[in-house]
Amino acid sequence: MSDAHLAAVPRRLHYPAFPRHHPALRSCLPLPRLNRKNSLSPPSIGTISLSWAVSFAAAGGTTAWSAKEVAPSPEEEEPPTSVALEPIVSEEHFDRIIAEAHQLEEPIVVLWMASWCRKCIYLKPKLEKLAAEYYPSIRFYCIDVNTVPHRLVNRAGITKMPTIQLWRDSQNQAGVIAGYKAWMVVDDVRKMIDNED
């Protein structure tokens, strides 16, 4: 055959036959497929957790793949790094939370804030991280003073914002007026909580 004749023949790649009957390959998972963009996509395995194990047999170095479902144990579950502050939207809601905490003999922490207060907005995520340290024994809440009746704000004795209060036995036990750096406020709130325990 001439070179011109060979160039006209379409080229086909020939691969050796796949040994599907080989016992080491019966436990294999599907191989990755090419999608339309010609990039590798892993096989669809659903939402189960897989633990891959590769074992090499002593004779011949045969590779066997196995997958097993691993359920996370309660001991392995990591605690949350942040817990959102539950908003209190009315005086009745506030009274109900105070009553439940009193019945459970648990303290609660309340952040009094306003949507226009920059210090409040900056402090809130810091308190959410602190709430994760005490979760679930101490619950953290937030109250926007613009959305609740003014008599509730007066009843709590709020004069400046942000203010963080610790309530226990249906009474305000301690408070921190947060007019300084957030990390110092968080330290003071932590001391306030630990001193009341």
N, C-alpha and C. Protein backbone atom coordinates (compact mmCIF):
# COMPACT_ATOMS: atom_id res chain seq x y z
N MET A 1 0.85 -1.18 0.00
CA MET A 1 0.00 0.00 0.00
C MET A 1 0.89 1.23 0.00
N SER A 2 0.46 2.23 -0.78
CA SER A 2 1.23 3.46 -0.83
C SER A 2 0.85 4.36 0.35
N ASP A 3 1.69 5.37 0.58
CA ASP A 3 1.42 6.30 1.67
C ASP A 3 0.13 7.07 1.43
N ALA A 4 -0.16 7.39 0.17
CA ALA A 4 -1.39 8.12 -0.15
C ALA A 4 -2.61 7.25 0.15
N HIS A 5 -2.51 5.95 -0.14
CA HIS A 5 -3.62 5.05 0.11
C HIS A 5 -3.84 4.88 1.62
N LEU A 6 -2.76 4.83 2.40
CA LEU A 6 -2.88 4.70 3.85
C LEU A 6 -3.50 5.94 4.47
N ALA A 7 -3.18 7.13 3.91
CA ALA A 7 -3.73 8.36 4.45
C ALA A 7 -5.23 8.44 4.22
N ALA A 8 -5.74 7.80 3.15
CA ALA A 8 -7.17 7.85 2.84
C ALA A 8 -7.98 6.91 3.72
N VAL A 9 -7.33 5.90 4.30
CA VAL A 9 -8.05 4.92 5.14
C VAL A 9 -8.27 5.54 6.52
N PRO A 10 -9.52 5.57 7.01
CA PRO A 10 -9.74 6.12 8.36
C PRO A 10 -9.00 5.31 9.42
N ARG A 11 -8.39 6.02 10.33
CA ARG A 11 -7.61 5.35 11.37
C ARG A 11 -8.52 4.94 12.51
N ARG A 12 -8.37 3.78 12.97
CA ARG A 12 -9.12 3.28 14.11
C ARG A 12 -8.15 2.76 15.15
N LEU A 13 -8.45 3.11 16.38
CA LEU A 13 -7.61 2.62 17.46
C LEU A 13 -8.14 1.27 17.91
N HIS A 14 -7.24 0.36 18.09
CA HIS A 14 -7.63 -0.99 18.51
C HIS A 14 -7.06 -1.24 19.89
N TYR A 15 -7.95 -1.56 20.81
CA TYR A 15 -7.55 -1.86 22.18
C TYR A 15 -7.73 -3.35 22.42
N PRO A 16 -6.94 -3.90 23.31
CA PRO A 16 -7.15 -5.32 23.63
C PRO A 16 -8.51 -5.52 24.30
N ALA A 17 -9.06 -6.69 24.15
CA ALA A 17 -10.37 -7.00 24.72
C ALA A 17 -10.34 -6.86 26.24
N PHE A 18 -11.40 -6.28 26.81
CA PHE A 18 -11.48 -6.08 28.26
C PHE A 18 -11.84 -7.40 28.92
N PRO A 19 -11.02 -7.88 29.84
CA PRO A 19 -11.27 -9.20 30.45
C PRO A 19 -12.38 -9.13 31.51
N ARG A 20 -13.65 -9.05 31.06
CA ARG A 20 -14.77 -8.90 31.98
C ARG A 20 -14.94 -10.13 32.88
N HIS A 21 -14.46 -11.25 32.45
CA HIS A 21 -14.62 -12.47 33.23
C HIS A 21 -13.60 -12.59 34.36
N HIS A 22 -12.60 -11.70 34.37
CA HIS A 22 -11.55 -11.80 35.38
C HIS A 22 -12.15 -11.56 36.78
N PRO A 23 -11.89 -12.45 37.76
CA PRO A 23 -12.53 -12.32 39.08
C PRO A 23 -12.16 -11.03 39.82
N ALA A 24 -10.98 -10.46 39.57
CA ALA A 24 -10.58 -9.25 40.29
C ALA A 24 -11.35 -8.03 39.81
N LEU A 25 -11.96 -8.12 38.62
CA LEU A 25 -12.65 -6.97 38.06
C LEU A 25 -14.16 -7.01 38.29
N ARG A 26 -14.67 -8.05 38.91
CA ARG A 26 -16.12 -8.16 39.11
C ARG A 26 -16.64 -7.15 40.12
N SER A 27 -15.78 -6.71 41.07
CA SER A 27 -16.22 -5.78 42.10
C SER A 27 -15.93 -4.32 41.74
N CYS A 28 -15.49 -4.09 40.50
CA CYS A 28 -15.15 -2.72 40.11
C CYS A 28 -16.41 -1.86 40.00
N LEU A 29 -16.25 -0.59 40.35
CA LEU A 29 -17.32 0.39 40.13
C LEU A 29 -17.22 0.90 38.70
N PRO A 30 -18.28 1.53 38.18
CA PRO A 30 -18.22 2.06 36.81
C PRO A 30 -17.07 3.04 36.65
N LEU A 31 -16.46 3.00 35.51
CA LEU A 31 -15.37 3.92 35.22
C LEU A 31 -15.92 5.30 34.91
N PRO A 32 -15.12 6.35 35.10
CA PRO A 32 -15.58 7.70 34.74
C PRO A 32 -15.92 7.78 33.27
N ARG A 33 -16.96 8.58 32.95
CA ARG A 33 -17.38 8.74 31.57
C ARG A 33 -17.00 10.11 31.06
N LEU A 34 -16.90 10.23 29.74
CA LEU A 34 -16.67 11.53 29.14
C LEU A 34 -18.01 12.21 28.91
N ASN A 35 -18.13 13.46 29.38
CA ASN A 35 -19.37 14.18 29.09
C ASN A 35 -19.22 14.92 27.77
N ARG A 36 -20.18 15.76 27.44
CA ARG A 36 -20.18 16.41 26.14
C ARG A 36 -19.00 17.35 25.96
N LYS A 37 -18.47 17.86 27.05
CA LYS A 37 -17.34 18.78 26.96
C LYS A 37 -16.01 18.04 26.98
N ASN A 38 -16.04 16.73 26.87
CA ASN A 38 -14.84 15.89 26.85
C ASN A 38 -14.01 16.03 28.10
N SER A 39 -14.67 16.22 29.23
CA SER A 39 -13.94 16.23 30.50
C SER A 39 -14.45 15.07 31.33
N LEU A 40 -13.61 14.60 32.20
CA LEU A 40 -13.97 13.44 33.00
C LEU A 40 -15.01 13.81 34.04
N SER A 41 -16.02 12.99 34.18
CA SER A 41 -17.00 13.19 35.24
C SER A 41 -17.09 11.89 36.02
N PRO A 42 -17.10 11.95 37.34
CA PRO A 42 -17.13 10.73 38.14
C PRO A 42 -18.47 10.03 38.00
N PRO A 43 -18.51 8.74 38.24
CA PRO A 43 -19.78 8.03 38.18
C PRO A 43 -20.73 8.54 39.25
N SER A 44 -22.00 8.49 38.93
CA SER A 44 -23.00 8.96 39.89
C SER A 44 -23.14 7.94 41.00
N ILE A 45 -22.93 8.38 42.25
CA ILE A 45 -22.97 7.44 43.37
C ILE A 45 -24.00 7.85 44.40
N GLY A 46 -24.84 8.85 44.11
CA GLY A 46 -25.87 9.24 45.06
C GLY A 46 -25.28 10.02 46.23
N THR A 47 -25.95 9.92 47.35
CA THR A 47 -25.54 10.71 48.51
C THR A 47 -24.88 9.89 49.60
N ILE A 48 -24.55 8.62 49.32
CA ILE A 48 -23.95 7.80 50.36
C ILE A 48 -22.48 8.16 50.51
N SER A 49 -21.97 7.96 51.70
CA SER A 49 -20.55 8.17 51.95
C SER A 49 -19.80 6.90 51.57
N LEU A 50 -18.75 7.07 50.81
CA LEU A 50 -17.99 5.90 50.36
C LEU A 50 -16.60 5.91 50.96
N SER A 51 -16.17 4.74 51.34
CA SER A 51 -14.80 4.58 51.79
C SER A 51 -14.11 3.66 50.80
N TRP A 52 -13.12 4.20 50.12
CA TRP A 52 -12.45 3.42 49.07
C TRP A 52 -11.28 2.65 49.68
N ALA A 53 -11.19 1.41 49.29
CA ALA A 53 -10.08 0.59 49.79
C ALA A 53 -9.44 -0.10 48.60
N VAL A 54 -8.15 0.01 48.50
CA VAL A 54 -7.41 -0.67 47.44
C VAL A 54 -6.53 -1.71 48.10
N SER A 55 -6.73 -2.95 47.74
CA SER A 55 -5.91 -4.01 48.33
C SER A 55 -5.13 -4.70 47.22
N PHE A 56 -3.90 -4.93 47.48
CA PHE A 56 -3.04 -5.61 46.51
C PHE A 56 -2.85 -7.06 46.96
N ALA A 57 -3.23 -7.96 46.11
CA ALA A 57 -3.07 -9.39 46.44
C ALA A 57 -1.59 -9.74 46.42
N ALA A 58 -1.25 -10.68 47.24
CA ALA A 58 0.16 -11.06 47.34
C ALA A 58 0.67 -11.67 46.04
N ALA A 59 -0.17 -12.44 45.37
CA ALA A 59 0.28 -13.10 44.15
C ALA A 59 -0.12 -12.26 42.94
N GLY A 60 0.83 -11.78 42.21
CA GLY A 60 0.55 -11.11 40.95
C GLY A 60 0.25 -9.63 41.08
N GLY A 61 0.10 -9.11 42.27
CA GLY A 61 -0.18 -7.69 42.42
C GLY A 61 -1.53 -7.26 41.86
N THR A 62 -2.53 -8.14 41.92
CA THR A 62 -3.85 -7.82 41.39
C THR A 62 -4.51 -6.75 42.25
N THR A 63 -5.15 -5.78 41.63
CA THR A 63 -5.82 -4.70 42.34
C THR A 63 -7.30 -4.99 42.41
N ALA A 64 -7.87 -4.94 43.62
CA ALA A 64 -9.31 -5.12 43.79
C ALA A 64 -9.86 -3.87 44.46
N TRP A 65 -10.89 -3.30 43.86
CA TRP A 65 -11.53 -2.11 44.41
C TRP A 65 -12.79 -2.53 45.12
N SER A 66 -13.01 -1.91 46.28
CA SER A 66 -14.26 -2.19 47.00
C SER A 66 -14.77 -0.89 47.59
N ALA A 67 -16.07 -0.77 47.67
CA ALA A 67 -16.68 0.41 48.26
C ALA A 67 -17.66 -0.04 49.32
N LYS A 68 -17.65 0.62 50.46
CA LYS A 68 -18.59 0.28 51.52
C LYS A 68 -19.21 1.54 52.07
N GLU A 69 -20.46 1.43 52.47
CA GLU A 69 -21.16 2.59 53.00
C GLU A 69 -20.75 2.80 54.44
N VAL A 70 -20.40 4.04 54.75
CA VAL A 70 -19.96 4.37 56.10
C VAL A 70 -20.94 5.38 56.68
N ALA A 71 -21.60 5.02 57.76
CA ALA A 71 -22.52 5.93 58.44
C ALA A 71 -21.76 6.68 59.52
N PRO A 72 -21.88 8.01 59.57
CA PRO A 72 -21.15 8.74 60.61
C PRO A 72 -21.72 8.43 61.98
N SER A 73 -20.82 8.18 62.92
CA SER A 73 -21.26 7.89 64.28
C SER A 73 -21.49 9.20 65.02
N PRO A 74 -22.33 9.18 66.07
CA PRO A 74 -22.58 10.42 66.81
C PRO A 74 -21.32 11.04 67.40
N GLU A 75 -20.33 10.19 67.74
CA GLU A 75 -19.10 10.72 68.31
C GLU A 75 -18.30 11.50 67.28
N GLU A 76 -18.43 11.13 65.98
CA GLU A 76 -17.65 11.77 64.94
C GLU A 76 -18.28 13.06 64.43
N GLU A 77 -19.55 13.31 64.74
CA GLU A 77 -20.20 14.52 64.27
C GLU A 77 -19.57 15.74 64.95
N GLU A 78 -19.15 16.68 64.13
CA GLU A 78 -18.50 17.86 64.65
C GLU A 78 -19.54 18.85 65.16
N PRO A 79 -19.25 19.54 66.25
CA PRO A 79 -20.19 20.54 66.74
C PRO A 79 -20.27 21.71 65.76
N PRO A 80 -21.37 22.44 65.75
CA PRO A 80 -21.49 23.56 64.81
C PRO A 80 -20.48 24.66 65.14
N THR A 81 -20.03 25.36 64.13
CA THR A 81 -19.10 26.47 64.33
C THR A 81 -19.84 27.79 64.50
N SER A 82 -21.12 27.81 64.14
CA SER A 82 -21.91 29.02 64.26
C SER A 82 -23.38 28.63 64.42
N VAL A 83 -24.08 29.31 65.31
CA VAL A 83 -25.50 29.07 65.52
C VAL A 83 -26.22 30.40 65.35
N ALA A 84 -27.16 30.45 64.42
CA ALA A 84 -27.88 31.69 64.14
C ALA A 84 -28.70 32.11 65.35
N LEU A 85 -28.68 33.42 65.63
CA LEU A 85 -29.47 33.95 66.73
C LEU A 85 -30.94 33.98 66.31
N GLU A 86 -31.78 33.35 67.12
CA GLU A 86 -33.21 33.31 66.79
C GLU A 86 -33.83 34.68 67.07
N PRO A 87 -34.52 35.26 66.08
CA PRO A 87 -35.12 36.58 66.32
C PRO A 87 -36.38 36.49 67.18
N ILE A 88 -36.55 37.45 68.06
CA ILE A 88 -37.77 37.60 68.85
C ILE A 88 -38.53 38.77 68.23
N VAL A 89 -39.80 38.53 67.88
CA VAL A 89 -40.52 39.50 67.05
C VAL A 89 -41.65 40.22 67.78
N SER A 90 -41.96 39.80 69.01
CA SER A 90 -43.05 40.46 69.73
C SER A 90 -42.85 40.29 71.23
N GLU A 91 -43.62 41.05 72.00
CA GLU A 91 -43.53 40.95 73.45
C GLU A 91 -44.04 39.59 73.93
N GLU A 92 -45.09 39.08 73.28
CA GLU A 92 -45.62 37.75 73.65
C GLU A 92 -44.59 36.66 73.37
N HIS A 93 -43.90 36.80 72.24
CA HIS A 93 -42.85 35.84 71.90
C HIS A 93 -41.74 35.87 72.95
N PHE A 94 -41.35 37.07 73.37
CA PHE A 94 -40.32 37.23 74.40
C PHE A 94 -40.77 36.57 75.71
N ASP A 95 -42.02 36.83 76.13
CA ASP A 95 -42.53 36.25 77.38
C ASP A 95 -42.56 34.72 77.31
N ARG A 96 -42.92 34.18 76.14
CA ARG A 96 -42.98 32.73 75.99
C ARG A 96 -41.58 32.11 76.10
N ILE A 97 -40.59 32.74 75.48
CA ILE A 97 -39.21 32.22 75.55
C ILE A 97 -38.67 32.30 76.97
N ILE A 98 -38.95 33.42 77.67
CA ILE A 98 -38.51 33.57 79.05
C ILE A 98 -39.15 32.50 79.94
N ALA A 99 -40.45 32.24 79.72
CA ALA A 99 -41.15 31.22 80.53
C ALA A 99 -40.59 29.82 80.26
N GLU A 100 -40.32 29.50 79.00
CA GLU A 100 -39.76 28.18 78.68
C GLU A 100 -38.38 28.00 79.30
N ALA A 101 -37.55 29.04 79.23
CA ALA A 101 -36.21 28.97 79.82
C ALA A 101 -36.30 28.81 81.33
N HIS A 102 -37.25 29.49 81.95
CA HIS A 102 -37.43 29.37 83.41
C HIS A 102 -37.88 27.95 83.77
N GLN A 103 -38.77 27.38 82.96
CA GLN A 103 -39.25 26.02 83.23
C GLN A 103 -38.11 25.00 83.07
N LEU A 104 -37.24 25.21 82.08
CA LEU A 104 -36.11 24.30 81.84
C LEU A 104 -34.91 24.61 82.73
N GLU A 105 -35.01 25.69 83.51
CA GLU A 105 -33.92 26.15 84.37
C GLU A 105 -32.64 26.39 83.57
N GLU A 106 -32.81 27.02 82.43
CA GLU A 106 -31.68 27.35 81.56
C GLU A 106 -31.63 28.86 81.35
N PRO A 107 -30.44 29.44 81.31
CA PRO A 107 -30.34 30.87 80.99
C PRO A 107 -30.45 31.10 79.48
N ILE A 108 -30.77 32.30 79.11
CA ILE A 108 -30.74 32.69 77.70
C ILE A 108 -29.96 33.99 77.58
N VAL A 109 -29.40 34.21 76.40
CA VAL A 109 -28.66 35.43 76.10
C VAL A 109 -29.42 36.17 75.01
N VAL A 110 -29.65 37.47 75.21
CA VAL A 110 -30.42 38.28 74.27
C VAL A 110 -29.57 39.44 73.79
N LEU A 111 -29.46 39.56 72.47
CA LEU A 111 -28.79 40.70 71.84
C LEU A 111 -29.87 41.71 71.44
N TRP A 112 -29.83 42.90 72.04
CA TRP A 112 -30.72 43.99 71.66
C TRP A 112 -29.98 44.82 70.63
N MET A 113 -30.58 44.95 69.46
CA MET A 113 -29.89 45.58 68.34
C MET A 113 -30.86 46.40 67.50
N ALA A 114 -30.33 47.08 66.51
CA ALA A 114 -31.14 47.81 65.54
C ALA A 114 -30.56 47.58 64.15
N SER A 115 -31.42 47.57 63.16
CA SER A 115 -30.96 47.30 61.79
C SER A 115 -30.06 48.41 61.26
N TRP A 116 -30.15 49.63 61.81
CA TRP A 116 -29.32 50.74 61.34
C TRP A 116 -28.00 50.83 62.10
N CYS A 117 -27.81 50.00 63.13
CA CYS A 117 -26.62 50.08 63.98
C CYS A 117 -25.48 49.25 63.39
N ARG A 118 -24.41 49.90 62.96
CA ARG A 118 -23.28 49.18 62.34
C ARG A 118 -22.58 48.27 63.33
N LYS A 119 -22.43 48.72 64.56
CA LYS A 119 -21.78 47.88 65.57
C LYS A 119 -22.59 46.62 65.82
N CYS A 120 -23.92 46.74 65.80
CA CYS A 120 -24.79 45.58 66.00
C CYS A 120 -24.61 44.57 64.87
N ILE A 121 -24.58 45.07 63.65
CA ILE A 121 -24.45 44.20 62.48
C ILE A 121 -23.10 43.50 62.48
N TYR A 122 -22.05 44.21 62.92
CA TYR A 122 -20.72 43.61 62.96
C TYR A 122 -20.59 42.62 64.10
N LEU A 123 -21.30 42.87 65.21
CA LEU A 123 -21.18 42.02 66.40
C LEU A 123 -21.98 40.73 66.26
N LYS A 124 -23.08 40.76 65.53
CA LYS A 124 -23.98 39.61 65.47
C LYS A 124 -23.29 38.31 65.03
N PRO A 125 -22.52 38.27 63.93
CA PRO A 125 -21.85 37.01 63.56
C PRO A 125 -20.85 36.52 64.60
N LYS A 126 -20.23 37.46 65.33
CA LYS A 126 -19.30 37.07 66.40
C LYS A 126 -20.04 36.37 67.53
N LEU A 127 -21.23 36.87 67.85
CA LEU A 127 -22.04 36.22 68.89
C LEU A 127 -22.59 34.88 68.41
N GLU A 128 -22.82 34.74 67.12
CA GLU A 128 -23.28 33.45 66.58
C GLU A 128 -22.20 32.39 66.74
N LYS A 129 -20.95 32.79 66.60
CA LYS A 129 -19.84 31.84 66.85
C LYS A 129 -19.75 31.51 68.33
N LEU A 130 -19.97 32.49 69.19
CA LEU A 130 -19.97 32.24 70.63
C LEU A 130 -21.14 31.34 71.01
N ALA A 131 -22.28 31.52 70.37
CA ALA A 131 -23.45 30.68 70.65
C ALA A 131 -23.16 29.22 70.36
N ALA A 132 -22.31 28.95 69.37
CA ALA A 132 -21.95 27.56 69.05
C ALA A 132 -21.17 26.91 70.18
N GLU A 133 -20.41 27.71 70.95
CA GLU A 133 -19.64 27.16 72.07
C GLU A 133 -20.55 26.67 73.20
N TYR A 134 -21.69 27.31 73.37
CA TYR A 134 -22.60 26.98 74.46
C TYR A 134 -23.82 26.18 74.01
N TYR A 135 -23.90 25.90 72.71
CA TYR A 135 -25.03 25.14 72.18
C TYR A 135 -24.97 23.69 72.65
N PRO A 136 -26.07 23.06 73.07
CA PRO A 136 -27.44 23.57 73.14
C PRO A 136 -27.85 23.98 74.56
N SER A 137 -26.92 24.08 75.50
CA SER A 137 -27.30 24.36 76.89
C SER A 137 -27.77 25.80 77.10
N ILE A 138 -27.26 26.75 76.31
CA ILE A 138 -27.68 28.14 76.41
C ILE A 138 -28.11 28.61 75.03
N ARG A 139 -29.31 29.16 74.96
CA ARG A 139 -29.84 29.66 73.69
C ARG A 139 -29.57 31.16 73.57
N PHE A 140 -29.26 31.56 72.35
CA PHE A 140 -29.00 32.97 72.05
C PHE A 140 -30.11 33.51 71.15
N TYR A 141 -30.58 34.72 71.47
CA TYR A 141 -31.65 35.36 70.71
C TYR A 141 -31.24 36.78 70.35
N CYS A 142 -31.95 37.37 69.41
CA CYS A 142 -31.73 38.77 69.07
C CYS A 142 -33.08 39.46 68.93
N ILE A 143 -33.10 40.74 69.29
CA ILE A 143 -34.32 41.54 69.20
C ILE A 143 -33.97 42.85 68.51
N ASP A 144 -34.65 43.12 67.41
CA ASP A 144 -34.52 44.41 66.74
C ASP A 144 -35.49 45.37 67.43
N VAL A 145 -34.95 46.41 68.05
CA VAL A 145 -35.79 47.31 68.86
C VAL A 145 -36.80 48.07 68.00
N ASN A 146 -36.59 48.12 66.69
CA ASN A 146 -37.53 48.81 65.81
C ASN A 146 -38.74 47.96 65.45
N THR A 147 -38.71 46.66 65.76
CA THR A 147 -39.81 45.77 65.37
C THR A 147 -40.64 45.30 66.56
N VAL A 148 -40.27 45.66 67.77
CA VAL A 148 -41.02 45.25 68.97
C VAL A 148 -41.59 46.51 69.64
N PRO A 149 -42.63 46.35 70.47
CA PRO A 149 -43.18 47.52 71.17
C PRO A 149 -42.14 48.18 72.07
N HIS A 150 -42.25 49.50 72.17
CA HIS A 150 -41.28 50.26 72.96
C HIS A 150 -41.35 49.90 74.45
N ARG A 151 -42.51 49.46 74.91
CA ARG A 151 -42.62 49.10 76.33
C ARG A 151 -41.75 47.89 76.67
N LEU A 152 -41.52 46.98 75.69
CA LEU A 152 -40.62 45.85 75.94
C LEU A 152 -39.18 46.34 76.09
N VAL A 153 -38.79 47.31 75.28
CA VAL A 153 -37.43 47.88 75.36
C VAL A 153 -37.25 48.57 76.72
N ASN A 154 -38.27 49.31 77.15
CA ASN A 154 -38.21 49.97 78.45
C ASN A 154 -38.18 48.96 79.59
N ARG A 155 -38.97 47.90 79.43
CA ARG A 155 -39.04 46.86 80.46
C ARG A 155 -37.68 46.18 80.66
N ALA A 156 -36.94 46.01 79.57
CA ALA A 156 -35.62 45.38 79.65
C ALA A 156 -34.55 46.37 80.08
N GLY A 157 -34.88 47.66 80.13
CA GLY A 157 -33.90 48.66 80.55
C GLY A 157 -32.85 48.96 79.51
N ILE A 158 -33.21 48.88 78.24
CA ILE A 158 -32.24 49.11 77.17
C ILE A 158 -32.14 50.61 76.90
N THR A 159 -30.94 51.13 76.99
CA THR A 159 -30.70 52.55 76.70
C THR A 159 -29.72 52.75 75.55
N LYS A 160 -28.86 51.76 75.31
CA LYS A 160 -27.88 51.85 74.22
C LYS A 160 -27.85 50.53 73.48
N MET A 161 -27.38 50.62 72.23
CA MET A 161 -27.25 49.41 71.43
C MET A 161 -25.87 49.38 70.78
N PRO A 162 -25.33 48.17 70.63
CA PRO A 162 -25.89 46.88 71.04
C PRO A 162 -25.74 46.63 72.54
N THR A 163 -26.72 45.96 73.10
CA THR A 163 -26.67 45.52 74.50
C THR A 163 -26.94 44.03 74.52
N ILE A 164 -26.12 43.30 75.29
CA ILE A 164 -26.30 41.85 75.43
C ILE A 164 -26.66 41.57 76.87
N GLN A 165 -27.77 40.87 77.07
CA GLN A 165 -28.25 40.57 78.43
C GLN A 165 -28.33 39.07 78.65
N LEU A 166 -28.10 38.68 79.89
CA LEU A 166 -28.27 37.29 80.33
C LEU A 166 -29.51 37.24 81.21
N TRP A 167 -30.48 36.41 80.79
CA TRP A 167 -31.73 36.26 81.54
C TRP A 167 -31.77 34.87 82.16
N ARG A 168 -32.10 34.84 83.45
CA ARG A 168 -32.26 33.57 84.17
C ARG A 168 -33.38 33.75 85.19
N ASP A 169 -34.19 32.71 85.34
CA ASP A 169 -35.33 32.74 86.27
C ASP A 169 -36.24 33.94 85.99
N SER A 170 -36.47 34.20 84.69
CA SER A 170 -37.36 35.28 84.23
C SER A 170 -36.87 36.67 84.63
N GLN A 171 -35.61 36.79 84.99
CA GLN A 171 -35.06 38.09 85.40
C GLN A 171 -33.78 38.38 84.62
N ASN A 172 -33.53 39.66 84.37
CA ASN A 172 -32.28 40.10 83.76
C ASN A 172 -31.19 40.03 84.83
N GLN A 173 -30.22 39.15 84.65
CA GLN A 173 -29.18 38.93 85.65
C GLN A 173 -27.94 39.79 85.42
N ALA A 174 -27.59 40.01 84.17
CA ALA A 174 -26.37 40.77 83.86
C ALA A 174 -26.46 41.29 82.44
N GLY A 175 -25.61 42.27 82.13
CA GLY A 175 -25.62 42.83 80.79
C GLY A 175 -24.30 43.43 80.40
N VAL A 176 -24.08 43.52 79.09
CA VAL A 176 -22.87 44.13 78.53
C VAL A 176 -23.33 45.12 77.47
N ILE A 177 -22.92 46.38 77.62
CA ILE A 177 -23.18 47.38 76.59
C ILE A 177 -21.97 47.39 75.67
N ALA A 178 -22.19 47.04 74.42
CA ALA A 178 -21.08 46.76 73.50
C ALA A 178 -20.73 48.00 72.68
N GLY A 179 -20.02 48.93 73.30
CA GLY A 179 -19.61 50.12 72.58
C GLY A 179 -18.14 50.11 72.21
N TYR A 180 -17.52 48.94 72.18
CA TYR A 180 -16.08 48.85 71.91
C TYR A 180 -15.82 47.68 70.98
N LYS A 181 -14.58 47.26 70.83
CA LYS A 181 -14.22 46.25 69.83
C LYS A 181 -14.95 44.93 70.07
N ALA A 182 -15.34 44.30 68.95
CA ALA A 182 -16.20 43.11 69.02
C ALA A 182 -15.54 41.97 69.78
N TRP A 183 -14.24 41.75 69.58
CA TRP A 183 -13.60 40.61 70.25
C TRP A 183 -13.57 40.82 71.76
N MET A 184 -13.47 42.09 72.21
CA MET A 184 -13.51 42.37 73.64
C MET A 184 -14.93 42.17 74.18
N VAL A 185 -15.92 42.54 73.38
CA VAL A 185 -17.32 42.33 73.78
C VAL A 185 -17.60 40.84 73.94
N VAL A 186 -17.13 40.05 73.00
CA VAL A 186 -17.35 38.59 73.07
C VAL A 186 -16.70 38.02 74.32
N ASP A 187 -15.50 38.49 74.65
CA ASP A 187 -14.84 38.03 75.88
C ASP A 187 -15.64 38.41 77.12
N ASP A 188 -16.20 39.63 77.13
CA ASP A 188 -17.00 40.05 78.28
C ASP A 188 -18.30 39.26 78.38
N VAL A 189 -18.90 38.93 77.25
CA VAL A 189 -20.12 38.11 77.26
C VAL A 189 -19.80 36.72 77.76
N ARG A 190 -18.66 36.16 77.34
CA ARG A 190 -18.25 34.84 77.82
C ARG A 190 -18.04 34.85 79.34
N LYS A 191 -17.40 35.90 79.84
CA LYS A 191 -17.20 36.00 81.31
C LYS A 191 -18.53 36.15 82.02
N MET A 192 -19.45 36.92 81.43
CA MET A 192 -20.76 37.10 82.03
C MET A 192 -21.50 35.77 82.15
N ILE A 193 -21.42 34.95 81.10
CA ILE A 193 -22.08 33.65 81.11
C ILE A 193 -21.43 32.71 82.14
N ASP A 194 -20.09 32.67 82.11
CA ASP A 194 -19.38 31.75 83.01
C ASP A 194 -19.54 32.13 84.48
N ASN A 195 -19.64 33.41 84.78
CA ASN A 195 -19.83 33.86 86.16
C ASN A 195 -21.20 33.52 86.70
N GLU A 196 -22.18 33.43 85.80
CA GLU A 196 -23.55 33.11 86.25
C GLU A 196 -23.76 31.61 86.39
N ASP A 197 -22.91 30.78 85.78
CA ASP A 197 -23.09 29.31 85.87
C ASP A 197 -22.69 28.79 87.24
